[in-house]
């Protein structure tokens, strides 16, 4: 099977861009693992790896500095739109995110954007509830000390 072309669809700001420079390292029915460089130069991180958990609705990314040191783990709450005829996968960012720092501290961010998107009808009720449900499941997984079940999968595919 040929790897799909990946797209990232954001709701705020509204955009859908091809991730043409991302390299798919591994793919099966449950996950896709990629490596990437930042789209635009940044001071806080330089490159990284992402694991798309297709059935769970997470994208877990390892953000690295230029020297390959871990900056943090960034977890997007997402849904996926497959177009099998065109062999494309569009990753729809459902706005809520979780950052896990190297010391294990967790920050939940962009809940305000999720609410704004709902108020402005940029997402429908089903997407809103999917985002909240997936966010809750991810927070519980992290709080229960099981975040490594996700990061270990990613690391096993890049080493």
Foldseek 3Di string as FASTA:
>chain_A
DDAFFEWEAEVVVGDIGTQVAWDFLDDDPFKTKTWFFDPDDDDQFTIWMWIQGQVLQKIWIFTAHPVRDTAWIKIFRWHWDADVVRRYIYTYGLQWMWIQGPVGDIDIDRPVVNVVCDVVVSDDPVSSVSSVVSVVVQVVCSVVVNPVVVVVVNVVSPD
